[in-house]
Amino acid sequence: AAAEALWVIRAYGDLNDVLWEATFTEETPT
């Protein structure tokens, strides 16, 4: 993931086909 992303959540279609991605920084409350 990009350097500023502490959390990355990805949904996949076929194999490595990313359907969507959500990223959260270190300041996002857990």
Full PDB file with SEQRES, HELIX, SHEET, SSBOND, CRYST1, ORIGX, SCALE, CONECT and MASTER records, all heavy atoms in Angstrom:
SEQRES   1 A   30  ALA ALA ALA GLU ALA LEU TRP VAL ILE ARG ALA TYR GLY          
SEQRES   2 A   30  ASP LEU ASN ASP VAL LEU TRP GLU ALA THR PHE THR GLU          
SEQRES   3 A   30  GLU THR PRO THR                                              
SHEET    1 AA1 2 TRP A   7  TYR A  12  0                                        
SHEET    2 AA1 2 VAL A  18  PHE A  24 -1                                        
CRYST1    1.000    1.000    1.000  90.00  90.00  90.00 P 1           1          
ORIGX1      1.000000  0.000000  0.000000        0.00000                         
ORIGX2      0.000000  1.000000  0.000000        0.00000                         
ORIGX3      0.000000  0.000000  1.000000        0.00000                         
SCALE1      1.000000  0.000000  0.000000        0.00000                         
SCALE2      0.000000  1.000000  0.000000        0.00000                         
SCALE3      0.000000  0.000000  1.000000        0.00000                         
ATOM      1  N   ALA A   1       0.830  -1.210   0.000  1.00  0.00           N  
ATOM      2  CA  ALA A   1       0.000   0.000   0.000  1.00  0.00           C  
ATOM      3  C   ALA A   1       0.861   1.255   0.000  1.00  0.00           C  
ATOM      4  O   ALA A   1       2.061   1.207   0.248  1.00  0.00           O  
ATOM      5  CB  ALA A   1      -0.895   0.000   1.230  1.00  0.00           C  
ATOM      6  N   ALA A   2       0.204   2.366  -0.247  1.00  0.00           N  
ATOM      7  CA  ALA A   2       0.878   3.667  -0.203  1.00  0.00           C  
ATOM      8  C   ALA A   2       1.408   3.931   1.206  1.00  0.00           C  
ATOM      9  O   ALA A   2       0.882   3.402   2.196  1.00  0.00           O  
ATOM     10  CB  ALA A   2      -0.101   4.764  -0.596  1.00  0.00           C  
ATOM     11  N   ALA A   3       2.429   4.735   1.300  1.00  0.00           N  
ATOM     12  CA  ALA A   3       3.116   4.980   2.571  1.00  0.00           C  
ATOM     13  C   ALA A   3       2.199   5.512   3.666  1.00  0.00           C  
ATOM     14  O   ALA A   3       2.400   5.209   4.836  1.00  0.00           O  
ATOM     15  CB  ALA A   3       4.278   5.943   2.355  1.00  0.00           C  
ATOM     16  N   GLU A   4       1.193   6.287   3.332  1.00  0.00           N  
ATOM     17  CA  GLU A   4       0.334   6.880   4.363  1.00  0.00           C  
ATOM     18  C   GLU A   4      -0.768   5.941   4.857  1.00  0.00           C  
ATOM     19  O   GLU A   4      -1.456   6.246   5.812  1.00  0.00           O  
ATOM     20  CB  GLU A   4      -0.274   8.192   3.873  1.00  0.00           C  
ATOM     21  CG  GLU A   4      -1.209   8.067   2.697  1.00  0.00           C  
ATOM     22  CD  GLU A   4      -0.515   8.035   1.337  1.00  0.00           C  
ATOM     23  OE1 GLU A   4       0.715   8.172   1.262  1.00  0.00           O  
ATOM     24  OE2 GLU A   4      -1.220   7.869   0.345  1.00  0.00           O  
ATOM     25  N   ALA A   5      -0.939   4.788   4.239  1.00  0.00           N  
ATOM     26  CA  ALA A   5      -2.003   3.862   4.633  1.00  0.00           C  
ATOM     27  C   ALA A   5      -1.538   2.928   5.749  1.00  0.00           C  
ATOM     28  O   ALA A   5      -0.576   2.195   5.598  1.00  0.00           O  
ATOM     29  CB  ALA A   5      -2.453   3.045   3.432  1.00  0.00           C  
ATOM     30  N   LEU A   6      -2.232   2.990   6.888  1.00  0.00           N  
ATOM     31  CA  LEU A   6      -1.956   2.058   7.977  1.00  0.00           C  
ATOM     32  C   LEU A   6      -2.841   0.823   7.832  1.00  0.00           C  
ATOM     33  O   LEU A   6      -2.445  -0.280   8.170  1.00  0.00           O  
ATOM     34  CB  LEU A   6      -2.206   2.732   9.327  1.00  0.00           C  
ATOM     35  CG  LEU A   6      -1.962   1.880  10.567  1.00  0.00           C  
ATOM     36  CD1 LEU A   6      -0.504   1.404  10.639  1.00  0.00           C  
ATOM     37  CD2 LEU A   6      -2.321   2.655  11.821  1.00  0.00           C  
ATOM     38  N   TRP A   7      -4.044   1.013   7.329  1.00  0.00           N  
ATOM     39  CA  TRP A   7      -4.998  -0.061   7.077  1.00  0.00           C  
ATOM     40  C   TRP A   7      -5.385  -0.036   5.608  1.00  0.00           C  
ATOM     41  O   TRP A   7      -5.657   1.025   5.054  1.00  0.00           O  
ATOM     42  CB  TRP A   7      -6.266   0.132   7.893  1.00  0.00           C  
ATOM     43  CG  TRP A   7      -6.113  -0.071   9.362  1.00  0.00           C  
ATOM     44  CD1 TRP A   7      -5.740   0.871  10.286  1.00  0.00           C  
ATOM     45  CD2 TRP A   7      -6.337  -1.274  10.085  1.00  0.00           C  
ATOM     46  NE1 TRP A   7      -5.720   0.315  11.530  1.00  0.00           N  
ATOM     47  CE2 TRP A   7      -6.086  -1.006  11.443  1.00  0.00           C  
ATOM     48  CE3 TRP A   7      -6.731  -2.564   9.722  1.00  0.00           C  
ATOM     49  CZ2 TRP A   7      -6.220  -1.965  12.437  1.00  0.00           C  
ATOM     50  CZ3 TRP A   7      -6.866  -3.532  10.705  1.00  0.00           C  
ATOM     51  CH2 TRP A   7      -6.610  -3.223  12.049  1.00  0.00           C  
ATOM     52  N   VAL A   8      -5.433  -1.200   4.987  1.00  0.00           N  
ATOM     53  CA  VAL A   8      -5.898  -1.335   3.603  1.00  0.00           C  
ATOM     54  C   VAL A   8      -6.878  -2.497   3.573  1.00  0.00           C  
ATOM     55  O   VAL A   8      -6.573  -3.582   4.065  1.00  0.00           O  
ATOM     56  CB  VAL A   8      -4.738  -1.614   2.625  1.00  0.00           C  
ATOM     57  CG1 VAL A   8      -5.257  -1.807   1.212  1.00  0.00           C  
ATOM     58  CG2 VAL A   8      -3.719  -0.501   2.667  1.00  0.00           C  
ATOM     59  N   ILE A   9      -8.046  -2.256   3.003  1.00  0.00           N  
ATOM     60  CA  ILE A   9      -9.042  -3.309   2.841  1.00  0.00           C  
ATOM     61  C   ILE A   9      -9.382  -3.358   1.367  1.00  0.00           C  
ATOM     62  O   ILE A   9      -9.751  -2.338   0.775  1.00  0.00           O  
ATOM     63  CB  ILE A   9     -10.285  -3.033   3.710  1.00  0.00           C  
ATOM     64  CG1 ILE A   9      -9.852  -2.932   5.179  1.00  0.00           C  
ATOM     65  CG2 ILE A   9     -11.338  -4.115   3.502  1.00  0.00           C  
ATOM     66  CD1 ILE A   9     -10.727  -2.133   6.052  1.00  0.00           C  
ATOM     67  N   ARG A  10      -9.221  -4.538   0.761  1.00  0.00           N  
ATOM     68  CA  ARG A  10      -9.450  -4.705  -0.680  1.00  0.00           C  
ATOM     69  C   ARG A  10     -10.391  -5.867  -0.930  1.00  0.00           C  
ATOM     70  O   ARG A  10     -10.297  -6.897  -0.282  1.00  0.00           O  
ATOM     71  CB  ARG A  10      -8.141  -5.013  -1.406  1.00  0.00           C  
ATOM     72  CG  ARG A  10      -7.184  -3.886  -1.461  1.00  0.00           C  
ATOM     73  CD  ARG A  10      -5.955  -4.260  -2.263  1.00  0.00           C  
ATOM     74  NE  ARG A  10      -4.994  -3.175  -2.215  1.00  0.00           N  
ATOM     75  CZ  ARG A  10      -3.692  -3.335  -2.313  1.00  0.00           C  
ATOM     76  NH1 ARG A  10      -3.184  -4.540  -2.491  1.00  0.00           N  
ATOM     77  NH2 ARG A  10      -2.884  -2.305  -2.249  1.00  0.00           N  
ATOM     78  N   ALA A  11     -11.245  -5.673  -1.934  1.00  0.00           N  
ATOM     79  CA  ALA A  11     -12.092  -6.756  -2.431  1.00  0.00           C  
ATOM     80  C   ALA A  11     -11.580  -7.140  -3.804  1.00  0.00           C  
ATOM     81  O   ALA A  11     -11.200  -6.278  -4.600  1.00  0.00           O  
ATOM     82  CB  ALA A  11     -13.546  -6.298  -2.515  1.00  0.00           C  
ATOM     83  N   TYR A  12     -11.559  -8.449  -4.045  1.00  0.00           N  
ATOM     84  CA  TYR A  12     -11.011  -8.968  -5.296  1.00  0.00           C  
ATOM     85  C   TYR A  12     -12.074  -9.677  -6.116  1.00  0.00           C  
ATOM     86  O   TYR A  12     -12.967 -10.311  -5.567  1.00  0.00           O  
ATOM     87  CB  TYR A  12      -9.877  -9.964  -5.013  1.00  0.00           C  
ATOM     88  CG  TYR A  12      -8.634  -9.312  -4.487  1.00  0.00           C  
ATOM     89  CD1 TYR A  12      -8.427  -9.161  -3.125  1.00  0.00           C  
ATOM     90  CD2 TYR A  12      -7.661  -8.843  -5.352  1.00  0.00           C  
ATOM     91  CE1 TYR A  12      -7.282  -8.558  -2.634  1.00  0.00           C  
ATOM     92  CE2 TYR A  12      -6.506  -8.240  -4.867  1.00  0.00           C  
ATOM     93  CZ  TYR A  12      -6.326  -8.108  -3.515  1.00  0.00           C  
ATOM     94  OH  TYR A  12      -5.191  -7.510  -3.038  1.00  0.00           O  
ATOM     95  N   GLY A  13     -11.920  -9.586  -7.427  1.00  0.00           N  
ATOM     96  CA  GLY A  13     -12.705 -10.383  -8.366  1.00  0.00           C  
ATOM     97  C   GLY A  13     -11.863 -11.590  -8.708  1.00  0.00           C  
ATOM     98  O   GLY A  13     -11.546 -12.399  -7.847  1.00  0.00           O  
ATOM     99  N   ASP A  14     -11.443 -11.683  -9.946  1.00  0.00           N  
ATOM    100  CA  ASP A  14     -10.579 -12.786 -10.370  1.00  0.00           C  
ATOM    101  C   ASP A  14      -9.146 -12.534  -9.945  1.00  0.00           C  
ATOM    102  O   ASP A  14      -8.609 -11.451 -10.172  1.00  0.00           O  
ATOM    103  CB  ASP A  14     -10.621 -12.944 -11.890  1.00  0.00           C  
ATOM    104  CG  ASP A  14     -11.938 -13.511 -12.358  1.00  0.00           C  
ATOM    105  OD1 ASP A  14     -12.552 -14.273 -11.594  1.00  0.00           O  
ATOM    106  OD2 ASP A  14     -12.357 -13.184 -13.483  1.00  0.00           O  
ATOM    107  N   LEU A  15      -8.560 -13.523  -9.335  1.00  0.00           N  
ATOM    108  CA  LEU A  15      -7.172 -13.552  -8.911  1.00  0.00           C  
ATOM    109  C   LEU A  15      -6.717 -12.229  -8.317  1.00  0.00           C  
ATOM    110  O   LEU A  15      -7.069 -11.919  -7.201  1.00  0.00           O  
ATOM    111  CB  LEU A  15      -6.271 -13.981 -10.076  1.00  0.00           C  
ATOM    112  CG  LEU A  15      -4.887 -14.495  -9.694  1.00  0.00           C  
ATOM    113  CD1 LEU A  15      -4.958 -15.591  -8.656  1.00  0.00           C  
ATOM    114  CD2 LEU A  15      -4.152 -14.987 -10.917  1.00  0.00           C  
ATOM    115  N   ASN A  16      -5.973 -11.411  -9.040  1.00  0.00           N  
ATOM    116  CA  ASN A  16      -5.459 -10.153  -8.494  1.00  0.00           C  
ATOM    117  C   ASN A  16      -6.224  -8.937  -8.989  1.00  0.00           C  
ATOM    118  O   ASN A  16      -5.715  -7.821  -8.954  1.00  0.00           O  
ATOM    119  CB  ASN A  16      -3.974 -10.005  -8.837  1.00  0.00           C  
ATOM    120  CG  ASN A  16      -3.141 -11.021  -8.083  1.00  0.00           C  
ATOM    121  OD1 ASN A  16      -3.405 -11.296  -6.919  1.00  0.00           O  
ATOM    122  ND2 ASN A  16      -2.158 -11.584  -8.756  1.00  0.00           N  
ATOM    123  N   ASP A  17      -7.440  -9.113  -9.452  1.00  0.00           N  
ATOM    124  CA  ASP A  17      -8.277  -8.032  -9.954  1.00  0.00           C  
ATOM    125  C   ASP A  17      -8.959  -7.331  -8.780  1.00  0.00           C  
ATOM    126  O   ASP A  17      -9.918  -7.850  -8.205  1.00  0.00           O  
ATOM    127  CB  ASP A  17      -9.304  -8.596 -10.929  1.00  0.00           C  
ATOM    128  CG  ASP A  17     -10.220  -7.540 -11.493  1.00  0.00           C  
ATOM    129  OD1 ASP A  17      -9.781  -6.379 -11.636  1.00  0.00           O  
ATOM    130  OD2 ASP A  17     -11.379  -7.877 -11.798  1.00  0.00           O  
ATOM    131  N   VAL A  18      -8.460  -6.153  -8.396  1.00  0.00           N  
ATOM    132  CA  VAL A  18      -9.027  -5.405  -7.272  1.00  0.00           C  
ATOM    133  C   VAL A  18     -10.329  -4.745  -7.719  1.00  0.00           C  
ATOM    134  O   VAL A  18     -10.347  -3.957  -8.660  1.00  0.00           O  
ATOM    135  CB  VAL A  18      -8.030  -4.337  -6.757  1.00  0.00           C  
ATOM    136  CG1 VAL A  18      -8.661  -3.517  -5.641  1.00  0.00           C  
ATOM    137  CG2 VAL A  18      -6.747  -4.989  -6.289  1.00  0.00           C  
ATOM    138  N   LEU A  19     -11.428  -5.081  -7.037  1.00  0.00           N  
ATOM    139  CA  LEU A  19     -12.724  -4.487  -7.336  1.00  0.00           C  
ATOM    140  C   LEU A  19     -12.879  -3.130  -6.654  1.00  0.00           C  
ATOM    141  O   LEU A  19     -13.441  -2.205  -7.219  1.00  0.00           O  
ATOM    142  CB  LEU A  19     -13.861  -5.415  -6.893  1.00  0.00           C  
ATOM    143  CG  LEU A  19     -13.917  -6.772  -7.590  1.00  0.00           C  
ATOM    144  CD1 LEU A  19     -15.013  -7.636  -6.968  1.00  0.00           C  
ATOM    145  CD2 LEU A  19     -14.162  -6.585  -9.081  1.00  0.00           C  
ATOM    146  N   TRP A  20     -12.436  -3.047  -5.408  1.00  0.00           N  
ATOM    147  CA  TRP A  20     -12.436  -1.777  -4.682  1.00  0.00           C  
ATOM    148  C   TRP A  20     -11.417  -1.853  -3.556  1.00  0.00           C  
ATOM    149  O   TRP A  20     -10.976  -2.927  -3.177  1.00  0.00           O  
ATOM    150  CB  TRP A  20     -13.824  -1.400  -4.157  1.00  0.00           C  
ATOM    151  CG  TRP A  20     -14.476  -2.388  -3.234  1.00  0.00           C  
ATOM    152  CD1 TRP A  20     -15.436  -3.301  -3.567  1.00  0.00           C  
ATOM    153  CD2 TRP A  20     -14.238  -2.578  -1.822  1.00  0.00           C  
ATOM    154  NE1 TRP A  20     -15.792  -4.041  -2.458  1.00  0.00           N  
ATOM    155  CE2 TRP A  20     -15.076  -3.614  -1.381  1.00  0.00           C  
ATOM    156  CE3 TRP A  20     -13.387  -1.967  -0.906  1.00  0.00           C  
ATOM    157  CZ2 TRP A  20     -15.098  -4.041  -0.053  1.00  0.00           C  
ATOM    158  CZ3 TRP A  20     -13.398  -2.404   0.420  1.00  0.00           C  
ATOM    159  CH2 TRP A  20     -14.257  -3.424   0.829  1.00  0.00           C  
ATOM    160  N   GLU A  21     -11.072  -0.672  -3.055  1.00  0.00           N  
ATOM    161  CA  GLU A  21     -10.089  -0.580  -1.974  1.00  0.00           C  
ATOM    162  C   GLU A  21     -10.474   0.556  -1.044  1.00  0.00           C  
ATOM    163  O   GLU A  21     -10.888   1.614  -1.495  1.00  0.00           O  
ATOM    164  CB  GLU A  21      -8.702  -0.332  -2.558  1.00  0.00           C  
ATOM    165  CG  GLU A  21      -7.626  -0.129  -1.509  1.00  0.00           C  
ATOM    166  CD  GLU A  21      -6.265   0.096  -2.132  1.00  0.00           C  
ATOM    167  OE1 GLU A  21      -5.620  -0.898  -2.491  1.00  0.00           O  
ATOM    168  OE2 GLU A  21      -5.875   1.272  -2.273  1.00  0.00           O  
ATOM    169  N   ALA A  22     -10.345   0.320   0.244  1.00  0.00           N  
ATOM    170  CA  ALA A  22     -10.526   1.361   1.261  1.00  0.00           C  
ATOM    171  C   ALA A  22      -9.230   1.457   2.046  1.00  0.00           C  
ATOM    172  O   ALA A  22      -8.657   0.434   2.420  1.00  0.00           O  
ATOM    173  CB  ALA A  22     -11.685   1.011   2.189  1.00  0.00           C  
ATOM    174  N   THR A  23      -8.748   2.666   2.259  1.00  0.00           N  
ATOM    175  CA  THR A  23      -7.533   2.852   3.045  1.00  0.00           C  
ATOM    176  C   THR A  23      -7.815   3.798   4.200  1.00  0.00           C  
ATOM    177  O   THR A  23      -8.671   4.672   4.106  1.00  0.00           O  
ATOM    178  CB  THR A  23      -6.364   3.412   2.192  1.00  0.00           C  
ATOM    179  OG1 THR A  23      -6.751   4.684   1.673  1.00  0.00           O  
ATOM    180  CG2 THR A  23      -6.010   2.476   1.068  1.00  0.00           C  
ATOM    181  N   PHE A  24      -7.089   3.582   5.291  1.00  0.00           N  
ATOM    182  CA  PHE A  24      -7.231   4.397   6.481  1.00  0.00           C  
ATOM    183  C   PHE A  24      -5.847   4.768   6.973  1.00  0.00           C  
ATOM    184  O   PHE A  24      -4.943   3.933   6.985  1.00  0.00           O  
ATOM    185  CB  PHE A  24      -7.989   3.637   7.577  1.00  0.00           C  
ATOM    186  CG  PHE A  24      -9.361   3.203   7.161  1.00  0.00           C  
ATOM    187  CD1 PHE A  24      -9.569   1.938   6.627  1.00  0.00           C  
ATOM    188  CD2 PHE A  24     -10.438   4.062   7.292  1.00  0.00           C  
ATOM    189  CE1 PHE A  24     -10.835   1.528   6.240  1.00  0.00           C  
ATOM    190  CE2 PHE A  24     -11.709   3.660   6.908  1.00  0.00           C  
ATOM    191  CZ  PHE A  24     -11.914   2.391   6.374  1.00  0.00           C  
ATOM    192  N   THR A  25      -5.678   5.995   7.408  1.00  0.00           N  
ATOM    193  CA  THR A  25      -4.389   6.464   7.904  1.00  0.00           C  
ATOM    194  C   THR A  25      -4.240   6.143   9.388  1.00  0.00           C  
ATOM    195  O   THR A  25      -5.189   5.681  10.037  1.00  0.00           O  
ATOM    196  CB  THR A  25      -4.243   7.989   7.724  1.00  0.00           C  
ATOM    197  OG1 THR A  25      -5.190   8.636   8.579  1.00  0.00           O  
ATOM    198  CG2 THR A  25      -4.449   8.403   6.276  1.00  0.00           C  
ATOM    199  N   GLU A  26      -3.077   6.443   9.927  1.00  0.00           N  
ATOM    200  CA  GLU A  26      -2.821   6.167  11.342  1.00  0.00           C  
ATOM    201  C   GLU A  26      -3.669   7.025  12.266  1.00  0.00           C  
ATOM    202  O   GLU A  26      -3.793   6.734  13.451  1.00  0.00           O  
ATOM    203  CB  GLU A  26      -1.347   6.344  11.662  1.00  0.00           C  
ATOM    204  CG  GLU A  26      -0.824   7.740  11.445  1.00  0.00           C  
ATOM    205  CD  GLU A  26       0.678   7.824  11.630  1.00  0.00           C  
ATOM    206  OE1 GLU A  26       1.367   6.807  11.492  1.00  0.00           O  
ATOM    207  OE2 GLU A  26       1.150   8.929  11.923  1.00  0.00           O  
ATOM    208  N   GLU A  27      -4.280   8.066  11.756  1.00  0.00           N  
ATOM    209  CA  GLU A  27      -5.131   8.928  12.589  1.00  0.00           C  
ATOM    210  C   GLU A  27      -6.580   8.458  12.636  1.00  0.00           C  
ATOM    211  O   GLU A  27      -7.381   9.003  13.386  1.00  0.00           O  
ATOM    212  CB  GLU A  27      -5.073  10.374  12.075  1.00  0.00           C  
ATOM    213  CG  GLU A  27      -3.684  10.986  12.157  1.00  0.00           C  
ATOM    214  CD  GLU A  27      -3.076  10.909  13.553  1.00  0.00           C  
ATOM    215  OE1 GLU A  27      -3.789  11.155  14.551  1.00  0.00           O  
ATOM    216  OE2 GLU A  27      -1.887  10.588  13.658  1.00  0.00           O  
ATOM    217  N   THR A  28      -6.944   7.462  11.850  1.00  0.00           N  
ATOM    218  CA  THR A  28      -8.313   6.959  11.844  1.00  0.00           C  
ATOM    219  C   THR A  28      -8.550   6.132  13.104  1.00  0.00           C  
ATOM    220  O   THR A  28      -7.793   5.193  13.377  1.00  0.00           O  
ATOM    221  CB  THR A  28      -8.559   6.068  10.606  1.00  0.00           C  
ATOM    222  OG1 THR A  28      -8.230   6.802   9.436  1.00  0.00           O  
ATOM    223  CG2 THR A  28     -10.014   5.621  10.544  1.00  0.00           C  
ATOM    224  N   PRO A  29      -9.567   6.464  13.883  1.00  0.00           N  
ATOM    225  CA  PRO A  29      -9.843   5.666  15.080  1.00  0.00           C  
ATOM    226  C   PRO A  29     -10.112   4.203  14.719  1.00  0.00           C  
ATOM    227  O   PRO A  29     -10.843   3.905  13.774  1.00  0.00           O  
ATOM    228  CB  PRO A  29     -11.082   6.321  15.674  1.00  0.00           C  
ATOM    229  CG  PRO A  29     -11.026   7.733  15.164  1.00  0.00           C  
ATOM    230  CD  PRO A  29     -10.451   7.621  13.775  1.00  0.00           C  
ATOM    231  N   THR A  30      -9.520   3.305  15.466  1.00  0.00           N  
ATOM    232  CA  THR A  30      -9.686   1.878  15.212  1.00  0.00           C  
ATOM    233  C   THR A  30     -11.150   1.474  15.312  1.00  0.00           C  
ATOM    234  O   THR A  30     -11.599   0.563  14.626  1.00  0.00           O  
ATOM    235  CB  THR A  30      -8.827   1.062  16.190  1.00  0.00           C  
ATOM    236  OG1 THR A  30      -7.488   1.527  16.112  1.00  0.00           O  
ATOM    237  CG2 THR A  30      -8.855  -0.408  15.858  1.00  0.00           C  
TER     238      THR A  30                                                      
MASTER        0    0    0    0    2    0    0    6  237    1    0    3          
END                                                                             
